[in-house]
């Protein structure tokens, strides 16, 4: 194992010093923290992560709950890790591909390890500037164009299911389908 000179100085390592159990434990703790920091930077360099997801990844890679907690706390304190910001980014990325309700976004965020309160705030933030009805109507029109070979009833059923899976209740889905010209006005 290689230790940086500054770390060796901090740990009180010097040539000729007796190797004690206490010193060995301090060096091992330093090694675990260093490993956890490197793993955390690698993970966050790939994609934003929630604190709970990063903590779980660090425990899996280092085997140390204590080191994982310490590093996650450091990263939160130093601004490298922010559950709300990463949740808003993820919710916004979901909304770029297709419309979704707040409840759908909250579910997806909670599945990624974001706590319920943060997920609710992030979903509200991501939806703040979105015309959900307009986006859903445009989305349904685009999808309907790809279903021209289906009967009107099958197309209506599939599009209603698609909206339901994105969190729209039956009444809202029917209004969107009517605005998109997929459902007759009398249904």
N, C-alpha and C. Protein backbone atom coordinates (compact mmCIF):
# COMPACT_ATOMS: atom_id res chain seq x y z
N UNK A 1 0.85 -1.17 0.00
CA UNK A 1 0.00 0.00 0.00
C UNK A 1 0.90 1.23 0.00
N UNK A 2 0.51 2.20 -0.81
CA UNK A 2 1.24 3.46 -0.89
C UNK A 2 0.40 4.55 -0.22
N UNK A 3 1.06 5.36 0.57
CA UNK A 3 0.38 6.46 1.26
C UNK A 3 1.09 7.75 0.87
N UNK A 4 0.30 8.78 0.56
CA UNK A 4 0.86 10.08 0.21
C UNK A 4 1.65 10.62 1.39
N UNK A 5 2.66 11.43 1.09
CA UNK A 5 3.52 11.99 2.14
C UNK A 5 2.70 12.80 3.14
N UNK A 6 1.72 13.56 2.64
CA UNK A 6 0.90 14.37 3.56
C UNK A 6 0.08 13.47 4.49
N UNK A 7 -0.41 12.35 3.97
CA UNK A 7 -1.17 11.41 4.79
C UNK A 7 -0.26 10.73 5.80
N UNK A 8 0.95 10.39 5.38
CA UNK A 8 1.90 9.74 6.30
C UNK A 8 2.22 10.69 7.45
N UNK A 9 2.38 11.95 7.11
CA UNK A 9 2.66 12.94 8.15
C UNK A 9 1.46 13.09 9.09
N UNK A 10 0.27 13.14 8.51
CA UNK A 10 -0.95 13.27 9.30
C UNK A 10 -1.15 12.06 10.23
N UNK A 11 -0.79 10.89 9.74
CA UNK A 11 -0.94 9.66 10.54
C UNK A 11 0.20 9.47 11.54
N UNK A 12 1.22 10.31 11.44
CA UNK A 12 2.35 10.20 12.35
C UNK A 12 3.32 9.08 11.97
N UNK A 13 3.33 8.73 10.68
CA UNK A 13 4.24 7.68 10.22
C UNK A 13 5.62 8.29 9.96
N UNK A 14 6.62 7.64 10.47
CA UNK A 14 7.99 8.09 10.21
C UNK A 14 8.91 6.88 10.32
N UNK A 15 10.02 6.98 9.67
CA UNK A 15 10.98 5.88 9.66
C UNK A 15 11.42 5.58 11.09
N UNK A 16 11.44 4.31 11.43
CA UNK A 16 11.90 3.88 12.75
C UNK A 16 10.82 3.84 13.81
N UNK A 17 9.63 4.31 13.51
CA UNK A 17 8.55 4.30 14.51
C UNK A 17 8.01 2.88 14.63
N UNK A 18 7.70 2.49 15.83
CA UNK A 18 7.19 1.14 16.08
C UNK A 18 5.78 1.00 15.49
N UNK A 19 5.55 -0.14 14.89
CA UNK A 19 4.24 -0.45 14.30
C UNK A 19 3.35 -1.04 15.39
N UNK A 20 2.34 -0.28 15.78
CA UNK A 20 1.47 -0.73 16.86
C UNK A 20 0.10 -1.06 16.30
N UNK A 21 -0.69 -1.71 17.12
CA UNK A 21 -2.05 -2.05 16.70
C UNK A 21 -2.86 -0.78 16.43
N UNK A 22 -2.71 0.22 17.27
CA UNK A 22 -3.43 1.49 17.10
C UNK A 22 -3.02 2.17 15.80
N UNK A 23 -1.74 2.18 15.51
CA UNK A 23 -1.24 2.79 14.28
C UNK A 23 -1.76 2.01 13.07
N UNK A 24 -1.76 0.71 13.15
CA UNK A 24 -2.27 -0.12 12.05
C UNK A 24 -3.75 0.17 11.80
N UNK A 25 -4.52 0.34 12.86
CA UNK A 25 -5.94 0.65 12.72
C UNK A 25 -6.14 2.02 12.07
N UNK A 26 -5.33 3.00 12.45
CA UNK A 26 -5.42 4.34 11.85
C UNK A 26 -5.06 4.30 10.37
N UNK A 27 -4.03 3.55 10.02
CA UNK A 27 -3.63 3.43 8.62
C UNK A 27 -4.73 2.72 7.82
N UNK A 28 -5.31 1.67 8.39
CA UNK A 28 -6.40 0.95 7.70
C UNK A 28 -7.61 1.86 7.50
N UNK A 29 -7.94 2.64 8.52
CA UNK A 29 -9.06 3.60 8.40
C UNK A 29 -8.78 4.60 7.28
N UNK A 30 -7.56 5.10 7.24
CA UNK A 30 -7.18 6.04 6.18
C UNK A 30 -7.30 5.37 4.81
N UNK A 31 -6.85 4.13 4.71
CA UNK A 31 -6.93 3.40 3.44
C UNK A 31 -8.38 3.23 2.98
N UNK A 32 -9.25 2.87 3.91
CA UNK A 32 -10.66 2.70 3.58
C UNK A 32 -11.30 4.01 3.13
N UNK A 33 -10.99 5.09 3.84
CA UNK A 33 -11.53 6.40 3.45
C UNK A 33 -11.01 6.83 2.09
N UNK A 34 -9.73 6.61 1.84
CA UNK A 34 -9.15 6.95 0.55
C UNK A 34 -9.81 6.13 -0.57
N UNK A 35 -9.98 4.85 -0.34
CA UNK A 35 -10.63 3.99 -1.33
C UNK A 35 -12.08 4.45 -1.57
N UNK A 36 -12.80 4.76 -0.50
CA UNK A 36 -14.18 5.21 -0.63
C UNK A 36 -14.27 6.53 -1.39
N UNK A 37 -13.35 7.44 -1.15
CA UNK A 37 -13.34 8.72 -1.89
C UNK A 37 -13.10 8.49 -3.37
N UNK A 38 -12.13 7.62 -3.70
CA UNK A 38 -11.85 7.33 -5.12
C UNK A 38 -13.06 6.69 -5.80
N UNK A 39 -13.69 5.74 -5.13
CA UNK A 39 -14.87 5.07 -5.70
C UNK A 39 -16.01 6.09 -5.86
N UNK A 40 -16.20 6.95 -4.87
CA UNK A 40 -17.26 7.96 -4.95
C UNK A 40 -17.04 8.89 -6.13
N UNK A 41 -15.82 9.33 -6.33
CA UNK A 41 -15.53 10.21 -7.47
C UNK A 41 -15.75 9.51 -8.80
N UNK A 42 -15.38 8.23 -8.87
CA UNK A 42 -15.63 7.46 -10.10
C UNK A 42 -17.13 7.36 -10.37
N UNK A 43 -17.89 7.04 -9.35
CA UNK A 43 -19.35 6.89 -9.50
C UNK A 43 -20.00 8.20 -9.92
N UNK A 44 -19.64 9.28 -9.24
CA UNK A 44 -20.25 10.57 -9.53
C UNK A 44 -19.76 11.14 -10.86
N UNK A 45 -18.60 10.69 -11.31
CA UNK A 45 -18.11 11.09 -12.63
C UNK A 45 -18.92 10.49 -13.76
N UNK A 46 -19.56 9.35 -13.49
CA UNK A 46 -20.38 8.69 -14.50
C UNK A 46 -21.79 9.26 -14.55
N UNK A 47 -22.40 9.47 -13.36
CA UNK A 47 -23.76 10.00 -13.31
C UNK A 47 -24.04 10.50 -11.89
N UNK A 48 -25.05 11.36 -11.79
CA UNK A 48 -25.47 11.85 -10.49
C UNK A 48 -26.11 10.70 -9.72
N UNK A 49 -25.89 10.66 -8.43
CA UNK A 49 -26.44 9.60 -7.59
C UNK A 49 -27.03 10.21 -6.33
N UNK A 50 -27.98 9.50 -5.76
CA UNK A 50 -28.52 9.93 -4.47
C UNK A 50 -27.53 9.53 -3.38
N UNK A 51 -27.68 10.14 -2.22
CA UNK A 51 -26.78 9.81 -1.12
C UNK A 51 -26.92 8.34 -0.73
N UNK A 52 -28.16 7.84 -0.73
CA UNK A 52 -28.35 6.44 -0.33
C UNK A 52 -27.77 5.48 -1.36
N UNK A 53 -27.90 5.81 -2.65
CA UNK A 53 -27.34 4.94 -3.69
C UNK A 53 -25.81 4.95 -3.62
N UNK A 54 -25.22 6.13 -3.41
CA UNK A 54 -23.77 6.20 -3.31
C UNK A 54 -23.28 5.47 -2.06
N UNK A 55 -23.97 5.64 -0.95
CA UNK A 55 -23.57 4.96 0.29
C UNK A 55 -23.60 3.44 0.08
N UNK A 56 -24.65 2.94 -0.56
CA UNK A 56 -24.75 1.49 -0.81
C UNK A 56 -23.61 1.02 -1.72
N UNK A 57 -23.29 1.81 -2.73
CA UNK A 57 -22.20 1.44 -3.64
C UNK A 57 -20.87 1.42 -2.91
N UNK A 58 -20.64 2.40 -2.04
CA UNK A 58 -19.39 2.45 -1.29
C UNK A 58 -19.26 1.29 -0.31
N UNK A 59 -20.34 0.95 0.35
CA UNK A 59 -20.30 -0.19 1.27
C UNK A 59 -19.99 -1.46 0.50
N UNK A 60 -20.61 -1.61 -0.67
CA UNK A 60 -20.36 -2.81 -1.49
C UNK A 60 -18.91 -2.89 -1.95
N UNK A 61 -18.33 -1.75 -2.28
CA UNK A 61 -16.96 -1.75 -2.80
C UNK A 61 -15.89 -1.76 -1.73
N UNK A 62 -16.16 -1.13 -0.57
CA UNK A 62 -15.13 -1.04 0.47
C UNK A 62 -15.38 -2.00 1.63
N UNK A 63 -16.62 -2.41 1.81
CA UNK A 63 -16.97 -3.28 2.93
C UNK A 63 -17.04 -2.54 4.25
N UNK A 64 -17.02 -1.22 4.21
CA UNK A 64 -17.01 -0.44 5.44
C UNK A 64 -18.17 0.55 5.46
N UNK A 65 -19.14 0.29 6.32
CA UNK A 65 -20.28 1.21 6.49
C UNK A 65 -19.80 2.56 7.02
N UNK A 66 -18.85 2.52 7.94
CA UNK A 66 -18.33 3.74 8.56
C UNK A 66 -17.63 4.64 7.52
N UNK A 67 -16.77 4.05 6.70
CA UNK A 67 -16.07 4.83 5.67
C UNK A 67 -17.07 5.40 4.67
N UNK A 68 -18.05 4.60 4.29
CA UNK A 68 -19.06 5.05 3.33
C UNK A 68 -19.82 6.25 3.89
N UNK A 69 -20.25 6.15 5.15
CA UNK A 69 -21.00 7.24 5.77
C UNK A 69 -20.14 8.51 5.86
N UNK A 70 -18.90 8.35 6.27
CA UNK A 70 -18.01 9.50 6.40
C UNK A 70 -17.81 10.20 5.06
N UNK A 71 -17.55 9.43 4.01
CA UNK A 71 -17.30 10.02 2.69
C UNK A 71 -18.57 10.66 2.13
N UNK A 72 -19.70 10.02 2.27
CA UNK A 72 -20.95 10.61 1.79
C UNK A 72 -21.22 11.92 2.54
N UNK A 73 -21.03 11.93 3.83
CA UNK A 73 -21.22 13.16 4.62
C UNK A 73 -20.26 14.26 4.16
N UNK A 74 -19.01 13.91 3.87
CA UNK A 74 -18.04 14.88 3.36
C UNK A 74 -18.50 15.45 2.02
N UNK A 75 -18.94 14.57 1.13
CA UNK A 75 -19.35 15.00 -0.21
C UNK A 75 -20.60 15.88 -0.15
N UNK A 76 -21.52 15.58 0.75
CA UNK A 76 -22.71 16.43 0.92
C UNK A 76 -22.27 17.79 1.46
N UNK A 77 -21.43 17.79 2.48
CA UNK A 77 -20.97 19.03 3.10
C UNK A 77 -20.22 19.91 2.09
N UNK A 78 -19.41 19.28 1.23
CA UNK A 78 -18.61 20.03 0.27
C UNK A 78 -19.36 20.37 -1.03
N UNK A 79 -20.63 19.92 -1.13
CA UNK A 79 -21.43 20.27 -2.30
C UNK A 79 -21.28 19.35 -3.50
N UNK A 80 -20.57 18.25 -3.35
CA UNK A 80 -20.39 17.30 -4.45
C UNK A 80 -21.63 16.43 -4.63
N UNK A 81 -22.42 16.32 -3.61
CA UNK A 81 -23.56 15.42 -3.60
C UNK A 81 -24.76 16.19 -3.09
N UNK A 82 -25.82 16.27 -3.91
CA UNK A 82 -27.01 17.02 -3.55
C UNK A 82 -28.22 16.24 -4.06
N UNK A 83 -28.94 15.60 -3.16
CA UNK A 83 -30.09 14.78 -3.56
C UNK A 83 -31.12 15.58 -4.33
N UNK A 84 -31.42 16.79 -3.89
CA UNK A 84 -32.44 17.59 -4.56
C UNK A 84 -32.02 17.93 -5.99
N UNK A 85 -30.81 18.39 -6.17
CA UNK A 85 -30.34 18.77 -7.51
C UNK A 85 -30.30 17.56 -8.45
N UNK A 86 -29.81 16.44 -7.95
CA UNK A 86 -29.76 15.26 -8.82
C UNK A 86 -31.17 14.75 -9.12
N UNK A 87 -32.09 14.88 -8.16
CA UNK A 87 -33.47 14.45 -8.39
C UNK A 87 -34.15 15.34 -9.42
N UNK A 88 -33.93 16.64 -9.35
CA UNK A 88 -34.51 17.55 -10.34
C UNK A 88 -33.96 17.24 -11.72
N UNK A 89 -32.66 17.00 -11.82
CA UNK A 89 -32.05 16.66 -13.11
C UNK A 89 -32.66 15.39 -13.69
N UNK A 90 -32.82 14.37 -12.84
CA UNK A 90 -33.38 13.10 -13.31
C UNK A 90 -34.84 13.27 -13.73
N UNK A 91 -35.62 13.99 -12.94
CA UNK A 91 -37.03 14.22 -13.27
C UNK A 91 -37.14 15.00 -14.59
N UNK A 92 -36.29 16.00 -14.77
CA UNK A 92 -36.31 16.76 -16.01
C UNK A 92 -35.94 15.88 -17.20
N UNK A 93 -35.01 14.96 -17.01
CA UNK A 93 -34.63 14.07 -18.11
C UNK A 93 -35.79 13.13 -18.47
N UNK A 94 -36.56 12.70 -17.48
CA UNK A 94 -37.74 11.88 -17.76
C UNK A 94 -38.76 12.68 -18.56
N UNK A 95 -38.93 13.94 -18.21
CA UNK A 95 -39.91 14.78 -18.89
C UNK A 95 -39.49 15.15 -20.31
N UNK A 96 -38.19 15.09 -20.62
CA UNK A 96 -37.75 15.38 -21.98
C UNK A 96 -38.21 14.31 -22.97
N UNK A 97 -38.36 13.09 -22.51
CA UNK A 97 -38.74 12.01 -23.41
C UNK A 97 -40.25 11.84 -23.54
N UNK A 98 -40.98 12.08 -22.46
CA UNK A 98 -42.44 11.98 -22.51
C UNK A 98 -43.02 12.63 -21.26
N UNK A 99 -44.29 13.05 -21.35
CA UNK A 99 -44.91 13.72 -20.20
C UNK A 99 -45.14 12.73 -19.06
N UNK A 100 -45.16 13.26 -17.85
CA UNK A 100 -45.40 12.43 -16.67
C UNK A 100 -45.98 13.31 -15.57
N UNK A 101 -46.77 12.70 -14.72
CA UNK A 101 -47.36 13.43 -13.60
C UNK A 101 -46.37 13.47 -12.43
N UNK A 102 -46.69 14.30 -11.47
CA UNK A 102 -45.84 14.42 -10.28
C UNK A 102 -45.74 13.08 -9.55
N UNK A 103 -46.86 12.37 -9.44
CA UNK A 103 -46.83 11.08 -8.72
C UNK A 103 -45.91 10.07 -9.41
N UNK A 104 -45.93 10.06 -10.74
CA UNK A 104 -45.04 9.16 -11.49
C UNK A 104 -43.58 9.53 -11.24
N UNK A 105 -43.28 10.81 -11.31
CA UNK A 105 -41.90 11.28 -11.09
C UNK A 105 -41.45 10.94 -9.67
N UNK A 106 -42.32 11.17 -8.71
CA UNK A 106 -41.98 10.87 -7.31
C UNK A 106 -41.67 9.38 -7.14
N UNK A 107 -42.49 8.53 -7.75
CA UNK A 107 -42.24 7.08 -7.67
C UNK A 107 -40.88 6.72 -8.23
N UNK A 108 -40.57 7.26 -9.40
CA UNK A 108 -39.29 6.95 -10.04
C UNK A 108 -38.12 7.45 -9.20
N UNK A 109 -38.28 8.63 -8.61
CA UNK A 109 -37.20 9.19 -7.78
C UNK A 109 -37.02 8.37 -6.51
N UNK A 110 -38.11 7.97 -5.89
CA UNK A 110 -38.01 7.16 -4.68
C UNK A 110 -37.37 5.81 -4.99
N UNK A 111 -37.62 5.28 -6.18
CA UNK A 111 -36.98 4.02 -6.58
C UNK A 111 -35.47 4.17 -6.73
N UNK A 112 -35.01 5.39 -6.95
CA UNK A 112 -33.57 5.67 -7.06
C UNK A 112 -32.95 6.02 -5.71
N UNK A 113 -33.72 5.91 -4.63
CA UNK A 113 -33.17 6.15 -3.31
C UNK A 113 -33.36 7.56 -2.78
N UNK A 114 -34.17 8.36 -3.43
CA UNK A 114 -34.46 9.72 -2.97
C UNK A 114 -35.60 9.63 -1.95
N UNK A 115 -35.48 10.33 -0.82
CA UNK A 115 -36.54 10.28 0.18
C UNK A 115 -37.80 10.97 -0.36
N UNK A 116 -38.95 10.64 0.20
CA UNK A 116 -40.25 11.08 -0.32
C UNK A 116 -40.38 12.60 -0.36
N UNK A 117 -39.94 13.28 0.68
CA UNK A 117 -40.07 14.74 0.72
C UNK A 117 -39.22 15.40 -0.37
N UNK A 118 -38.00 14.94 -0.54
CA UNK A 118 -37.11 15.49 -1.58
C UNK A 118 -37.67 15.16 -2.96
N UNK A 119 -38.20 13.95 -3.13
CA UNK A 119 -38.79 13.55 -4.41
C UNK A 119 -39.97 14.45 -4.77
N UNK A 120 -40.80 14.76 -3.79
CA UNK A 120 -41.97 15.62 -4.03
C UNK A 120 -41.53 17.03 -4.44
N UNK A 121 -40.53 17.57 -3.73
CA UNK A 121 -40.02 18.91 -4.08
C UNK A 121 -39.39 18.91 -5.47
N UNK A 122 -38.62 17.87 -5.78
CA UNK A 122 -37.94 17.79 -7.08
C UNK A 122 -38.95 17.65 -8.21
N UNK A 123 -39.98 16.84 -8.01
CA UNK A 123 -41.01 16.67 -9.04
C UNK A 123 -41.72 18.01 -9.29
N UNK A 124 -42.04 18.71 -8.22
CA UNK A 124 -42.71 20.02 -8.36
C UNK A 124 -41.80 21.00 -9.09
N UNK A 125 -40.52 20.99 -8.77
CA UNK A 125 -39.57 21.89 -9.44
C UNK A 125 -39.47 21.55 -10.93
N UNK A 126 -39.35 20.27 -11.25
CA UNK A 126 -39.21 19.85 -12.64
C UNK A 126 -40.47 20.17 -13.45
N UNK A 127 -41.63 20.10 -12.81
CA UNK A 127 -42.89 20.35 -13.52
C UNK A 127 -43.30 21.82 -13.54
N UNK A 128 -42.58 22.66 -12.81
CA UNK A 128 -42.97 24.06 -12.64
C UNK A 128 -43.17 24.79 -13.96
N UNK A 129 -42.30 24.58 -14.92
CA UNK A 129 -42.38 25.32 -16.19
C UNK A 129 -42.89 24.45 -17.34
N UNK A 130 -43.53 23.33 -17.02
CA UNK A 130 -43.99 22.40 -18.05
C UNK A 130 -45.50 22.52 -18.23
N UNK A 131 -45.93 22.67 -19.47
CA UNK A 131 -47.35 22.62 -19.80
C UNK A 131 -47.67 21.14 -19.99
N UNK A 132 -48.05 20.49 -18.90
CA UNK A 132 -48.24 19.04 -18.90
C UNK A 132 -49.33 18.60 -19.87
N UNK A 133 -50.45 19.32 -19.89
CA UNK A 133 -51.53 18.94 -20.80
C UNK A 133 -51.10 19.10 -22.26
N UNK A 134 -50.42 20.20 -22.56
CA UNK A 134 -49.95 20.42 -23.93
C UNK A 134 -48.91 19.38 -24.35
N UNK A 135 -47.99 19.09 -23.44
CA UNK A 135 -46.96 18.10 -23.75
C UNK A 135 -47.57 16.71 -23.93
N UNK A 136 -48.55 16.38 -23.08
CA UNK A 136 -49.20 15.08 -23.19
C UNK A 136 -50.00 14.97 -24.48
N UNK A 137 -50.68 16.04 -24.87
CA UNK A 137 -51.45 16.03 -26.12
C UNK A 137 -50.53 15.84 -27.32
N UNK A 138 -49.42 16.57 -27.35
CA UNK A 138 -48.45 16.43 -28.44
C UNK A 138 -47.85 15.03 -28.46
N UNK A 139 -47.56 14.50 -27.29
CA UNK A 139 -47.00 13.15 -27.18
C UNK A 139 -47.98 12.11 -27.74
N UNK A 140 -49.26 12.23 -27.36
CA UNK A 140 -50.27 11.29 -27.85
C UNK A 140 -50.41 11.40 -29.36
N UNK A 141 -50.39 12.62 -29.90
CA UNK A 141 -50.48 12.79 -31.37
C UNK A 141 -49.31 12.10 -32.07
N UNK A 142 -48.11 12.26 -31.52
CA UNK A 142 -46.93 11.59 -32.12
C UNK A 142 -47.08 10.08 -32.06
N UNK A 143 -47.47 9.57 -30.90
CA UNK A 143 -47.62 8.12 -30.73
C UNK A 143 -48.73 7.57 -31.62
N UNK A 144 -49.83 8.31 -31.75
CA UNK A 144 -50.96 7.85 -32.57
C UNK A 144 -50.54 7.67 -34.02
N UNK A 145 -49.63 8.51 -34.50
CA UNK A 145 -49.16 8.40 -35.89
C UNK A 145 -48.44 7.07 -36.14
N UNK A 146 -47.88 6.49 -35.10
CA UNK A 146 -47.17 5.21 -35.26
C UNK A 146 -48.11 4.02 -35.15
N UNK A 147 -49.39 4.27 -34.87
CA UNK A 147 -50.35 3.19 -34.65
C UNK A 147 -51.46 3.18 -35.70
N UNK A 148 -51.17 3.65 -36.90
CA UNK A 148 -52.21 3.77 -37.93
C UNK A 148 -52.75 2.42 -38.38
N UNK A 149 -51.99 1.35 -38.21
CA UNK A 149 -52.47 0.04 -38.65
C UNK A 149 -53.45 -0.59 -37.66
N UNK A 150 -53.59 0.00 -36.48
CA UNK A 150 -54.50 -0.54 -35.46
C UNK A 150 -55.90 0.01 -35.64
N UNK A 151 -56.87 -0.71 -35.13
CA UNK A 151 -58.25 -0.21 -35.14
C UNK A 151 -58.32 0.98 -34.19
N UNK A 152 -59.34 1.79 -34.33
CA UNK A 152 -59.51 2.97 -33.49
C UNK A 152 -59.61 2.57 -32.02
N UNK A 153 -60.33 1.48 -31.74
CA UNK A 153 -60.49 1.03 -30.35
C UNK A 153 -59.15 0.57 -29.77
N UNK A 154 -58.36 -0.17 -30.55
CA UNK A 154 -57.05 -0.64 -30.07
C UNK A 154 -56.12 0.53 -29.85
N UNK A 155 -56.13 1.49 -30.77
CA UNK A 155 -55.28 2.68 -30.65
C UNK A 155 -55.65 3.45 -29.38
N UNK A 156 -56.96 3.64 -29.17
CA UNK A 156 -57.45 4.35 -27.99
C UNK A 156 -57.02 3.62 -26.71
N UNK A 157 -57.19 2.32 -26.67
CA UNK A 157 -56.82 1.52 -25.50
C UNK A 157 -55.33 1.61 -25.21
N UNK A 158 -54.50 1.50 -26.24
CA UNK A 158 -53.05 1.55 -26.03
C UNK A 158 -52.58 2.93 -25.59
N UNK A 159 -53.14 3.96 -26.18
CA UNK A 159 -52.74 5.32 -25.80
C UNK A 159 -53.21 5.66 -24.38
N UNK A 160 -54.40 5.20 -24.02
CA UNK A 160 -54.89 5.41 -22.65
C UNK A 160 -53.98 4.67 -21.67
N UNK A 161 -53.57 3.46 -22.01
CA UNK A 161 -52.66 2.70 -21.15
C UNK A 161 -51.31 3.38 -21.00
N UNK A 162 -50.83 3.94 -22.11
CA UNK A 162 -49.55 4.65 -22.07
C UNK A 162 -49.63 5.84 -21.11
N UNK A 163 -50.72 6.59 -21.18
CA UNK A 163 -50.88 7.73 -20.27
C UNK A 163 -51.05 7.26 -18.83
N UNK A 164 -51.77 6.19 -18.63
CA UNK A 164 -51.97 5.66 -17.27
C UNK A 164 -50.63 5.25 -16.66
N UNK A 165 -49.77 4.65 -17.46
CA UNK A 165 -48.45 4.24 -16.94
C UNK A 165 -47.57 5.44 -16.61
N UNK A 166 -47.88 6.58 -17.16
CA UNK A 166 -47.13 7.80 -16.87
C UNK A 166 -47.80 8.62 -15.76
N UNK A 167 -48.81 8.02 -15.10
CA UNK A 167 -49.40 8.64 -13.92
C UNK A 167 -50.68 9.42 -14.13
N UNK A 168 -51.20 9.47 -15.35
CA UNK A 168 -52.43 10.20 -15.61
C UNK A 168 -53.63 9.35 -15.19
N UNK A 169 -54.58 9.95 -14.47
CA UNK A 169 -55.78 9.20 -14.10
C UNK A 169 -56.69 9.07 -15.33
N UNK A 170 -57.72 8.26 -15.23
CA UNK A 170 -58.57 7.94 -16.39
C UNK A 170 -59.24 9.19 -16.97
N UNK A 171 -59.72 10.07 -16.11
CA UNK A 171 -60.39 11.28 -16.59
C UNK A 171 -59.42 12.20 -17.34
N UNK A 172 -58.25 12.43 -16.77
CA UNK A 172 -57.25 13.28 -17.42
C UNK A 172 -56.80 12.65 -18.74
N UNK A 173 -56.61 11.34 -18.75
CA UNK A 173 -56.18 10.65 -19.97
C UNK A 173 -57.22 10.82 -21.07
N UNK A 174 -58.51 10.69 -20.73
CA UNK A 174 -59.57 10.85 -21.74
C UNK A 174 -59.61 12.28 -22.27
N UNK A 175 -59.42 13.25 -21.42
CA UNK A 175 -59.39 14.65 -21.89
C UNK A 175 -58.23 14.86 -22.86
N UNK A 176 -57.07 14.31 -22.52
CA UNK A 176 -55.90 14.43 -23.40
C UNK A 176 -56.15 13.73 -24.72
N UNK A 177 -56.73 12.53 -24.67
CA UNK A 177 -57.03 11.78 -25.89
C UNK A 177 -58.04 12.52 -26.76
N UNK A 178 -59.01 13.18 -26.15
CA UNK A 178 -59.98 13.98 -26.92
C UNK A 178 -59.29 15.17 -27.58
N UNK A 179 -58.46 15.88 -26.82
CA UNK A 179 -57.74 17.03 -27.38
C UNK A 179 -56.82 16.61 -28.52
N UNK A 180 -56.26 15.41 -28.42
CA UNK A 180 -55.36 14.93 -29.47
C UNK A 180 -56.13 14.42 -30.68
N UNK A 181 -57.46 14.30 -30.54
CA UNK A 181 -58.28 13.84 -31.67
C UNK A 181 -58.32 12.33 -31.81
N UNK A 182 -57.93 11.63 -30.75
CA UNK A 182 -57.89 10.17 -30.79
C UNK A 182 -59.21 9.59 -30.27
N UNK A 183 -59.79 10.22 -29.26
CA UNK A 183 -61.05 9.76 -28.67
C UNK A 183 -62.18 10.65 -29.11
N UNK A 184 -63.31 10.07 -29.43
CA UNK A 184 -64.48 10.90 -29.80
C UNK A 184 -64.93 11.73 -28.60
N UNK A 185 -65.53 12.88 -28.88
CA UNK A 185 -65.94 13.79 -27.81
C UNK A 185 -67.04 13.24 -26.92
N UNK A 186 -67.80 12.26 -27.40
CA UNK A 186 -68.92 11.76 -26.60
C UNK A 186 -68.57 10.61 -25.69
N UNK A 187 -67.31 10.17 -25.61
CA UNK A 187 -66.93 9.04 -24.74
C UNK A 187 -66.61 9.50 -23.36
